[in-house]
Structures are given as C-alpha cells and as structure tokens.
Amino acid sequence: MPRTPDKRAPTVAPTPTGAGEGDETLGIDTILDRLEHVVRELEGGELPIEGALERFEQGVHLARRGNWLLDRVEQRVEMLLADRDETVPLPARGADEE
C-alpha cells in the first residue's frame, strides 16, 4: 500500500536562484546588515546610475535570500509545534497589514 505524505509536514522551497555571490552562506543578521548598507548607499544619491543599478540588484538578491531564510525558520517552528495539542498557528502573511 503506498504511503501518503504527511499533510502537516511543510514543504521546503529550494534556495532562491540568482543570489549574490556568497549570499547562500549568510545568516539573516548579516543579510539585514548588508541590506541596510545597500539602502544607505542608494539613498545617499552619490552613486552613478550603473553603480546604483548594481547596488539595487544586490539589494533585491539579499531581500530574496532573507525572505527565503525567514520562510525556512517559519517552517521549522510550525514543524516543532505540529505535535503539540495546543498549537498556536502563525498568522498568515499579510494578515497584520490589513
């Protein structure tokens, strides 16, 4: 008899492609620091257009990697809470924005 997958087990998305060089090993704190630095550089207005575009691309890659890492953390928390009787569901994305 074929085994049906556990519906409680979240699926793990692959690492986002196109991440900046070396971003795949960075932790969330480092990503946030680098992202803040990129934002400061862009807001400074001193970069030539090509440099600003490169920084913007780096920022997009860092943001995607950070989101991916946060999704992984959320999945791990959900898995840890899945076996508890009093599971506290995490709010759906965007629920606090309404």
N, C-alpha and C. Protein backbone atom coordinates (compact mmCIF):
# COMPACT_ATOMS: atom_id res chain seq x y z
N MET A 1 0.85 -1.18 0.00
CA MET A 1 0.00 0.00 0.00
C MET A 1 0.89 1.24 0.00
N PRO A 2 0.71 2.19 -0.93
CA PRO A 2 1.56 3.37 -0.98
C PRO A 2 1.32 4.26 0.22
N ARG A 3 2.37 4.85 0.65
CA ARG A 3 2.31 5.73 1.82
C ARG A 3 1.91 7.13 1.37
N THR A 4 0.94 7.72 2.04
CA THR A 4 0.53 9.08 1.71
C THR A 4 1.39 10.05 2.51
N PRO A 5 1.75 11.15 1.91
CA PRO A 5 2.59 12.11 2.62
C PRO A 5 1.85 12.75 3.78
N ASP A 6 2.59 13.10 4.81
CA ASP A 6 2.04 13.78 5.97
C ASP A 6 1.66 15.20 5.56
N LYS A 7 0.39 15.53 5.68
CA LYS A 7 -0.06 16.86 5.26
C LYS A 7 0.41 17.95 6.20
N ARG A 8 0.84 17.58 7.40
CA ARG A 8 1.33 18.59 8.34
C ARG A 8 2.74 19.02 8.02
N ALA A 9 3.50 18.18 7.36
CA ALA A 9 4.91 18.49 7.10
C ALA A 9 5.00 19.54 6.00
N PRO A 10 5.58 20.70 6.31
CA PRO A 10 5.69 21.73 5.29
C PRO A 10 6.74 21.36 4.25
N THR A 11 6.51 21.84 3.05
CA THR A 11 7.50 21.61 2.02
C THR A 11 8.58 22.67 2.13
N VAL A 12 9.78 22.30 1.76
CA VAL A 12 10.90 23.22 1.83
C VAL A 12 11.24 23.67 0.43
N ALA A 13 11.17 24.97 0.23
CA ALA A 13 11.47 25.52 -1.09
C ALA A 13 12.97 25.51 -1.30
N PRO A 14 13.40 25.37 -2.54
CA PRO A 14 14.83 25.41 -2.82
C PRO A 14 15.37 26.81 -2.59
N THR A 15 16.69 26.90 -2.42
CA THR A 15 17.34 28.18 -2.25
C THR A 15 17.06 29.04 -3.48
N PRO A 16 16.74 30.31 -3.28
CA PRO A 16 16.44 31.15 -4.44
C PRO A 16 17.66 31.26 -5.36
N THR A 17 17.40 31.23 -6.64
CA THR A 17 18.50 31.36 -7.59
C THR A 17 18.81 32.82 -7.82
N GLY A 18 19.99 33.05 -8.32
CA GLY A 18 20.39 34.42 -8.62
C GLY A 18 20.84 35.20 -7.42
N ALA A 19 21.08 34.52 -6.31
CA ALA A 19 21.54 35.23 -5.13
C ALA A 19 22.92 35.79 -5.41
N GLY A 20 23.24 36.87 -4.73
CA GLY A 20 24.54 37.50 -4.92
C GLY A 20 25.65 36.54 -4.55
N GLU A 21 26.83 36.84 -5.01
CA GLU A 21 27.98 35.96 -4.78
C GLU A 21 28.21 35.75 -3.28
N GLY A 22 28.16 34.50 -2.84
CA GLY A 22 28.41 34.17 -1.44
C GLY A 22 27.20 34.33 -0.52
N ASP A 23 26.07 34.83 -1.04
CA ASP A 23 24.89 35.06 -0.20
C ASP A 23 24.31 33.79 0.38
N GLU A 24 24.55 32.64 -0.27
CA GLU A 24 23.91 31.40 0.17
C GLU A 24 24.40 30.93 1.53
N THR A 25 25.52 31.45 2.02
CA THR A 25 26.02 31.03 3.33
C THR A 25 25.79 32.08 4.40
N LEU A 26 25.19 33.20 4.05
CA LEU A 26 24.98 34.28 5.01
C LEU A 26 23.80 33.99 5.93
N GLY A 27 23.93 34.43 7.17
CA GLY A 27 22.83 34.34 8.11
C GLY A 27 21.94 35.55 7.99
N ILE A 28 20.79 35.49 8.61
CA ILE A 28 19.80 36.56 8.48
C ILE A 28 20.33 37.88 9.02
N ASP A 29 21.10 37.86 10.11
CA ASP A 29 21.63 39.11 10.67
C ASP A 29 22.60 39.78 9.70
N THR A 30 23.46 38.99 9.08
CA THR A 30 24.41 39.53 8.11
C THR A 30 23.68 40.07 6.89
N ILE A 31 22.66 39.35 6.45
CA ILE A 31 21.88 39.81 5.31
C ILE A 31 21.22 41.14 5.62
N LEU A 32 20.64 41.27 6.79
CA LEU A 32 19.99 42.53 7.17
C LEU A 32 21.00 43.67 7.23
N ASP A 33 22.19 43.42 7.79
CA ASP A 33 23.22 44.45 7.84
C ASP A 33 23.62 44.90 6.44
N ARG A 34 23.84 43.93 5.55
CA ARG A 34 24.23 44.27 4.18
C ARG A 34 23.12 44.99 3.45
N LEU A 35 21.89 44.57 3.68
CA LEU A 35 20.75 45.22 3.04
C LEU A 35 20.62 46.67 3.51
N GLU A 36 20.82 46.91 4.80
CA GLU A 36 20.78 48.28 5.31
C GLU A 36 21.88 49.14 4.69
N HIS A 37 23.06 48.55 4.50
CA HIS A 37 24.18 49.26 3.88
C HIS A 37 23.83 49.63 2.43
N VAL A 38 23.25 48.70 1.70
CA VAL A 38 22.85 48.95 0.32
C VAL A 38 21.83 50.08 0.27
N VAL A 39 20.86 50.06 1.16
CA VAL A 39 19.83 51.10 1.19
C VAL A 39 20.46 52.46 1.48
N ARG A 40 21.39 52.52 2.45
CA ARG A 40 22.06 53.79 2.75
C ARG A 40 22.81 54.32 1.54
N GLU A 41 23.50 53.42 0.83
CA GLU A 41 24.23 53.85 -0.37
C GLU A 41 23.28 54.40 -1.44
N LEU A 42 22.17 53.70 -1.64
CA LEU A 42 21.21 54.15 -2.64
C LEU A 42 20.56 55.47 -2.24
N GLU A 43 20.22 55.61 -0.97
CA GLU A 43 19.60 56.85 -0.51
C GLU A 43 20.57 58.02 -0.51
N GLY A 44 21.87 57.72 -0.44
CA GLY A 44 22.88 58.77 -0.45
C GLY A 44 22.92 59.55 -1.75
N GLY A 45 22.52 58.91 -2.83
CA GLY A 45 22.44 59.60 -4.11
C GLY A 45 23.79 59.90 -4.75
N GLU A 46 24.87 59.33 -4.24
CA GLU A 46 26.21 59.61 -4.77
C GLU A 46 26.65 58.62 -5.84
N LEU A 47 25.94 57.54 -6.02
CA LEU A 47 26.35 56.51 -6.97
C LEU A 47 25.96 56.89 -8.40
N PRO A 48 26.83 56.57 -9.36
CA PRO A 48 26.41 56.74 -10.75
C PRO A 48 25.30 55.74 -11.06
N ILE A 49 24.59 55.97 -12.13
CA ILE A 49 23.41 55.14 -12.44
C ILE A 49 23.75 53.65 -12.52
N GLU A 50 24.87 53.29 -13.14
CA GLU A 50 25.25 51.87 -13.23
C GLU A 50 25.55 51.29 -11.84
N GLY A 51 26.24 52.06 -11.02
CA GLY A 51 26.54 51.62 -9.65
C GLY A 51 25.28 51.46 -8.83
N ALA A 52 24.35 52.40 -9.01
CA ALA A 52 23.08 52.32 -8.29
C ALA A 52 22.29 51.09 -8.73
N LEU A 53 22.32 50.80 -10.02
CA LEU A 53 21.61 49.62 -10.52
C LEU A 53 22.23 48.35 -9.95
N GLU A 54 23.56 48.27 -9.89
CA GLU A 54 24.22 47.11 -9.29
C GLU A 54 23.86 46.95 -7.83
N ARG A 55 23.87 48.07 -7.09
CA ARG A 55 23.50 48.00 -5.67
C ARG A 55 22.05 47.57 -5.50
N PHE A 56 21.18 48.09 -6.37
CA PHE A 56 19.77 47.71 -6.31
C PHE A 56 19.62 46.20 -6.54
N GLU A 57 20.33 45.67 -7.54
CA GLU A 57 20.29 44.23 -7.79
C GLU A 57 20.78 43.45 -6.58
N GLN A 58 21.85 43.91 -5.96
CA GLN A 58 22.36 43.25 -4.76
C GLN A 58 21.30 43.27 -3.67
N GLY A 59 20.63 44.41 -3.52
CA GLY A 59 19.59 44.52 -2.51
C GLY A 59 18.44 43.57 -2.76
N VAL A 60 18.04 43.44 -4.01
CA VAL A 60 16.96 42.50 -4.36
C VAL A 60 17.37 41.08 -4.02
N HIS A 61 18.60 40.70 -4.37
CA HIS A 61 19.08 39.35 -4.08
C HIS A 61 19.14 39.10 -2.57
N LEU A 62 19.63 40.09 -1.83
CA LEU A 62 19.69 39.95 -0.38
C LEU A 62 18.30 39.83 0.22
N ALA A 63 17.36 40.63 -0.25
CA ALA A 63 15.99 40.58 0.26
C ALA A 63 15.35 39.22 -0.02
N ARG A 64 15.57 38.70 -1.22
CA ARG A 64 15.01 37.38 -1.56
C ARG A 64 15.60 36.30 -0.68
N ARG A 65 16.91 36.35 -0.48
CA ARG A 65 17.57 35.35 0.37
C ARG A 65 17.06 35.47 1.82
N GLY A 66 16.92 36.70 2.30
CA GLY A 66 16.39 36.90 3.65
C GLY A 66 14.99 36.36 3.80
N ASN A 67 14.14 36.62 2.82
CA ASN A 67 12.77 36.08 2.85
C ASN A 67 12.78 34.57 2.85
N TRP A 68 13.65 33.98 2.02
CA TRP A 68 13.75 32.53 1.96
C TRP A 68 14.16 31.96 3.32
N LEU A 69 15.14 32.60 3.96
CA LEU A 69 15.59 32.12 5.28
C LEU A 69 14.48 32.25 6.31
N LEU A 70 13.76 33.35 6.28
CA LEU A 70 12.66 33.53 7.24
C LEU A 70 11.56 32.51 7.01
N ASP A 71 11.29 32.18 5.75
CA ASP A 71 10.31 31.13 5.46
C ASP A 71 10.76 29.80 6.04
N ARG A 72 12.05 29.49 5.93
CA ARG A 72 12.59 28.25 6.50
C ARG A 72 12.41 28.23 8.01
N VAL A 73 12.67 29.34 8.66
CA VAL A 73 12.50 29.41 10.12
C VAL A 73 11.04 29.18 10.47
N GLU A 74 10.15 29.81 9.74
CA GLU A 74 8.72 29.63 9.99
C GLU A 74 8.32 28.16 9.83
N GLN A 75 8.83 27.50 8.80
CA GLN A 75 8.53 26.10 8.59
C GLN A 75 9.04 25.24 9.74
N ARG A 76 10.22 25.54 10.23
CA ARG A 76 10.78 24.76 11.35
C ARG A 76 9.94 24.95 12.61
N VAL A 77 9.51 26.17 12.86
CA VAL A 77 8.67 26.43 14.03
C VAL A 77 7.35 25.69 13.91
N GLU A 78 6.75 25.72 12.72
CA GLU A 78 5.49 25.00 12.51
C GLU A 78 5.67 23.51 12.72
N MET A 79 6.79 22.95 12.27
CA MET A 79 7.04 21.53 12.47
C MET A 79 7.20 21.21 13.95
N LEU A 80 7.89 22.07 14.68
CA LEU A 80 8.09 21.84 16.10
C LEU A 80 6.78 21.92 16.87
N LEU A 81 5.88 22.79 16.43
CA LEU A 81 4.61 22.95 17.11
C LEU A 81 3.55 21.96 16.63
N ALA A 82 3.81 21.27 15.54
CA ALA A 82 2.80 20.39 14.94
C ALA A 82 2.36 19.27 15.88
N ASP A 83 3.23 18.79 16.73
CA ASP A 83 2.89 17.67 17.60
C ASP A 83 2.28 18.11 18.92
N ARG A 84 2.19 19.39 19.15
CA ARG A 84 1.61 19.88 20.40
C ARG A 84 0.09 19.89 20.31
N ASP A 85 -0.56 19.65 21.45
CA ASP A 85 -2.02 19.69 21.48
C ASP A 85 -2.53 21.12 21.36
N GLU A 86 -1.79 22.06 21.91
CA GLU A 86 -2.23 23.44 21.92
C GLU A 86 -1.44 24.28 20.91
N THR A 87 -1.37 23.83 19.70
CA THR A 87 -0.64 24.51 18.65
C THR A 87 -1.16 25.92 18.46
N VAL A 88 -0.23 26.85 18.39
CA VAL A 88 -0.57 28.23 18.14
C VAL A 88 -0.20 28.53 16.69
N PRO A 89 -1.19 28.69 15.82
CA PRO A 89 -0.87 28.91 14.41
C PRO A 89 -0.21 30.27 14.20
N LEU A 90 0.70 30.31 13.27
CA LEU A 90 1.33 31.57 12.91
C LEU A 90 0.37 32.33 12.01
N PRO A 91 0.33 33.66 12.14
CA PRO A 91 -0.59 34.42 11.29
C PRO A 91 -0.19 34.31 9.82
N ALA A 92 -1.18 34.34 8.96
CA ALA A 92 -0.91 34.25 7.53
C ALA A 92 -0.18 35.50 7.08
N ARG A 93 0.65 35.36 6.06
CA ARG A 93 1.38 36.52 5.54
C ARG A 93 0.40 37.60 5.12
N GLY A 94 0.69 38.81 5.51
CA GLY A 94 -0.15 39.93 5.14
C GLY A 94 -1.33 40.13 6.07
N ALA A 95 -1.54 39.23 7.01
CA ALA A 95 -2.70 39.37 7.92
C ALA A 95 -2.58 40.61 8.78
N ASP A 96 -1.35 40.98 9.19
CA ASP A 96 -1.17 42.15 10.04
C ASP A 96 -1.17 43.43 9.24
N GLU A 97 -1.19 43.35 7.91
CA GLU A 97 -1.17 44.52 7.05
C GLU A 97 -2.58 45.02 6.77
N GLU A 98 -3.57 44.23 7.06
CA GLU A 98 -4.97 44.61 6.75
C GLU A 98 -5.50 45.56 7.77
